[in-house]
C-alpha atoms as a PDB file:
ATOM      1  CA  MET A   1      -0.076   0.157   0.290  1.00  0.00           C
ATOM      2  CA  ASP A   2       1.181   3.418  -0.970  1.00  0.00           C
ATOM      3  CA  TYR A   3       0.918   5.305   2.383  1.00  0.00           C
ATOM      4  CA  GLU A   4       2.749   8.060   1.682  1.00  0.00           C
ATOM      5  CA  SER A   5       0.429   9.187  -0.908  1.00  0.00           C
ATOM      6  CA  ILE A   6      -2.436   8.170   1.219  1.00  0.00           C
ATOM      7  CA  ILE A   7      -1.399   9.846   4.105  1.00  0.00           C
ATOM      8  CA  SER A   8      -0.296  13.425   2.212  1.00  0.00           C
ATOM      9  CA  GLU A   9      -3.679  13.332   0.325  1.00  0.00           C
ATOM     10  CA  LYS A  10      -5.315  13.166   3.988  1.00  0.00           C
ATOM     11  CA  PHE A  11      -2.978  15.766   5.285  1.00  0.00           C
ATOM     12  CA  PRO A  12      -1.808  18.126   2.712  1.00  0.00           C
ATOM     13  CA  ASN A  13      -0.034  20.359   5.294  1.00  0.00           C
ATOM     14  CA  TYR A  14       2.329  17.748   6.592  1.00  0.00           C
ATOM     15  CA  ASP A  15       5.837  16.184   5.154  1.00  0.00           C
ATOM     16  CA  VAL A  16       5.532  12.397   5.293  1.00  0.00           C
ATOM     17  CA  GLU A  17       7.907   9.595   6.066  1.00  0.00           C
ATOM     18  CA  VAL A  18       7.129   6.176   5.432  1.00  0.00           C
ATOM     19  CA  ILE A  19      10.129   4.062   7.271  1.00  0.00           C
ATOM     20  CA  THR A  20      10.869   0.333   7.420  1.00  0.00           C
ATOM     21  CA  PRO A  21      12.771  -1.665   9.616  1.00  0.00           C
ATOM     22  CA  ASP A  22      15.640  -2.023   7.298  1.00  0.00           C
ATOM     23  CA  VAL A  23      16.660   1.732   7.315  1.00  0.00           C
ATOM     24  CA  PHE A  24      17.535   2.427  10.494  1.00  0.00           C
ATOM     25  CA  GLU A  25      18.228   0.771  13.684  1.00  0.00           C
ATOM     26  CA  LEU A  26      16.060   1.407  16.476  1.00  0.00           C
ATOM     27  CA  GLU A  27      18.158   3.518  18.360  1.00  0.00           C
ATOM     28  CA  ASP A  28      19.207   5.497  15.496  1.00  0.00           C
ATOM     29  CA  LEU A  29      15.474   5.836  14.255  1.00  0.00           C
ATOM     30  CA  ILE A  30      14.581   7.095  17.884  1.00  0.00           C
ATOM     31  CA  GLU A  31      17.482   9.871  17.523  1.00  0.00           C
ATOM     32  CA  TYR A  32      16.230  10.410  14.173  1.00  0.00           C
ATOM     33  CA  ILE A  33      12.774  11.607  15.028  1.00  0.00           C
ATOM     34  CA  THR A  34      13.973  13.297  18.131  1.00  0.00           C
ATOM     35  CA  ASP A  35      16.236  15.251  15.724  1.00  0.00           C
ATOM     36  CA  ASP A  36      12.616  16.509  13.774  1.00  0.00           C
ATOM     37  CA  ILE A  37      11.097  17.037  16.857  1.00  0.00           C
ATOM     38  CA  ILE A  38      13.905  20.009  17.769  1.00  0.00           C
ATOM     39  CA  VAL A  39      13.502  21.151  13.805  1.00  0.00           C
ATOM     40  CA  TYR A  40       9.765  21.399  13.828  1.00  0.00           C
ATOM     41  CA  LYS A  41       9.168  22.183  17.318  1.00  0.00           C
ATOM     42  CA  PRO A  42       5.742  20.746  17.446  1.00  0.00           C
ATOM     43  CA  TYR A  43       3.579  21.529  20.757  1.00  0.00           C
ATOM     44  CA  SER A  44       2.600  18.038  20.752  1.00  0.00           C
ATOM     45  CA  LEU A  45       2.931  14.514  19.362  1.00  0.00           C
ATOM     46  CA  PHE A  46       0.166  12.164  18.726  1.00  0.00           C
ATOM     47  CA  VAL A  47       1.721   8.480  18.770  1.00  0.00           C
ATOM     48  CA  TYR A  48      -0.918   6.218  16.722  1.00  0.00           C
ATOM     49  CA  ARG A  49       0.984   2.750  17.502  1.00  0.00           C
ATOM     50  CA  HIS A  50       2.871   2.879  14.288  1.00  0.00           C
ATOM     51  CA  MET A  51       1.908   6.351  13.258  1.00  0.00           C
ATOM     52  CA  ILE A  52       3.702  10.030  14.690  1.00  0.00           C
ATOM     53  CA  ARG A  53       1.603  13.116  14.033  1.00  0.00           C
ATOM     54  CA  PHE A  54       3.775  16.065  14.877  1.00  0.00           C
ATOM     55  CA  MET A  55       0.712  18.556  16.225  1.00  0.00           C
ATOM     56  CA  MET A  56       1.805  21.794  14.652  1.00  0.00           C
ATOM     57  CA  ASN A  57       0.353  25.760  15.141  1.00  0.00           C
ATOM     58  CA  VAL A  58      -1.819  26.567  12.113  1.00  0.00           C
ATOM     59  CA  GLY A  59       0.110  28.066   9.498  1.00  0.00           C
ATOM     60  CA  HIS A  60       3.353  25.783  10.020  1.00  0.00           C
ATOM     61  CA  ARG A  61       3.850  22.494   8.058  1.00  0.00           C
ATOM     62  CA  GLY A  62       4.037  19.432  10.447  1.00  0.00           C
ATOM     63  CA  LYS A  63       5.641  15.802   9.813  1.00  0.00           C
ATOM     64  CA  ILE A  64       3.946  12.668  10.087  1.00  0.00           C
ATOM     65  CA  TYR A  65       6.274   9.291  10.226  1.00  0.00           C
ATOM     66  CA  TYR A  66       4.624   5.897   9.354  1.00  0.00           C
ATOM     67  CA  LEU A  67       6.459   3.216  10.894  1.00  0.00           C
ATOM     68  CA  ASP A  68       5.584   0.112   8.582  1.00  0.00           C
ATOM     69  CA  GLY A  69       6.866  -3.210   9.489  1.00  0.00           C
ATOM     70  CA  PHE A  70       7.755  -2.781  12.676  1.00  0.00           C
ATOM     71  CA  SER A  71       6.891  -5.866  15.564  1.00  0.00           C
ATOM     72  CA  ASP A  72       5.177  -4.371  18.558  1.00  0.00           C
ATOM     73  CA  ASP A  73       8.487  -4.958  20.455  1.00  0.00           C
ATOM     74  CA  ASP A  74       9.865  -2.791  18.190  1.00  0.00           C
ATOM     75  CA  LEU A  75       7.150  -0.015  18.358  1.00  0.00           C
ATOM     76  CA  LYS A  76       7.188  -0.150  22.378  1.00  0.00           C
ATOM     77  CA  LEU A  77      11.246   0.776  22.328  1.00  0.00           C
ATOM     78  CA  ILE A  78      10.172   3.303  19.899  1.00  0.00           C
ATOM     79  CA  HIS A  79       7.615   4.822  21.816  1.00  0.00           C
ATOM     80  CA  ALA A  80       9.543   4.575  25.089  1.00  0.00           C
ATOM     81  CA  GLY A  81      12.386   6.489  23.618  1.00  0.00           C
ATOM     82  CA  LEU A  82      10.071   9.074  22.572  1.00  0.00           C
ATOM     83  CA  LEU A  83       8.403   9.483  26.064  1.00  0.00           C
ATOM     84  CA  LYS A  84      11.778   9.975  27.520  1.00  0.00           C
ATOM     85  CA  PHE A  85      12.654  12.806  24.964  1.00  0.00           C
ATOM     86  CA  THR A  86       9.664  14.472  25.234  1.00  0.00           C
ATOM     87  CA  TRP A  87       9.534  14.294  29.077  1.00  0.00           C
ATOM     88  CA  LYS A  88      13.085  16.208  29.267  1.00  0.00           C
ATOM     89  CA  ASN A  89      12.237  19.036  26.300  1.00  0.00           C
ATOM     90  CA  ASP A  90       8.703  19.757  27.304  1.00  0.00           C
ATOM     91  CA  VAL A  91       6.655  18.617  24.677  1.00  0.00           C
ATOM     92  CA  LYS A  92       3.608  17.067  25.013  1.00  0.00           C
ATOM     93  CA  ILE A  93       2.915  13.626  24.047  1.00  0.00           C
ATOM     94  CA  ASN A  94      -0.154  11.564  23.710  1.00  0.00           C
ATOM     95  CA  LEU A  95       0.005   7.728  22.899  1.00  0.00           C
ATOM     96  CA  PHE A  96      -2.888   5.672  21.580  1.00  0.00           C
ATOM     97  CA  LYS A  97      -0.690   2.571  21.568  1.00  0.00           C
ATOM     98  CA  HIS A  98      -3.406   0.301  20.981  1.00  0.00           C
ATOM     99  CA  SER A  99      -5.171   2.440  17.953  1.00  0.00           C
ATOM    100  CA  ASN A 100      -5.096   1.068  14.471  1.00  0.00           C
ATOM    101  CA  PRO A 101      -3.980   4.518  12.237  1.00  0.00           C
ATOM    102  CA  ASP A 102      -5.184   2.860   9.133  1.00  0.00           C
ATOM    103  CA  ARG A 103      -8.905   2.446  10.337  1.00  0.00           C
ATOM    104  CA  ASP A 104      -8.941   5.214  13.302  1.00  0.00           C
ATOM    105  CA  VAL A 105      -7.078   7.963  11.510  1.00  0.00           C
ATOM    106  CA  LEU A 106      -6.701   7.346   7.716  1.00  0.00           C
ATOM    107  CA  GLY A 107     -10.186   5.677   7.322  1.00  0.00           C
ATOM    108  CA  LEU A 108      -8.869   2.391   5.432  1.00  0.00           C
END
């Protein structure tokens, strides 16, 4: 499924990045995402199991990561890394770890 096109159509004011497990080691992936938190400066993160959405103020371009093909254990580690980072950096995080973003957010 072409998640990048589907998400870009539904959220035109967001940069979309689909990441598969073979691109990064988990620690590097967490660092990559947290680096973008510093760059984009979202006021909040919405984490829907394998989809991460940077919530931005009106008029600012956001970012969405779709983590395609990651195991539940990998996602738990990623979520834990994001929780740890946001705790130190005063970014609100909303973790919907049992949600299905394909159904709940994208309506697929």
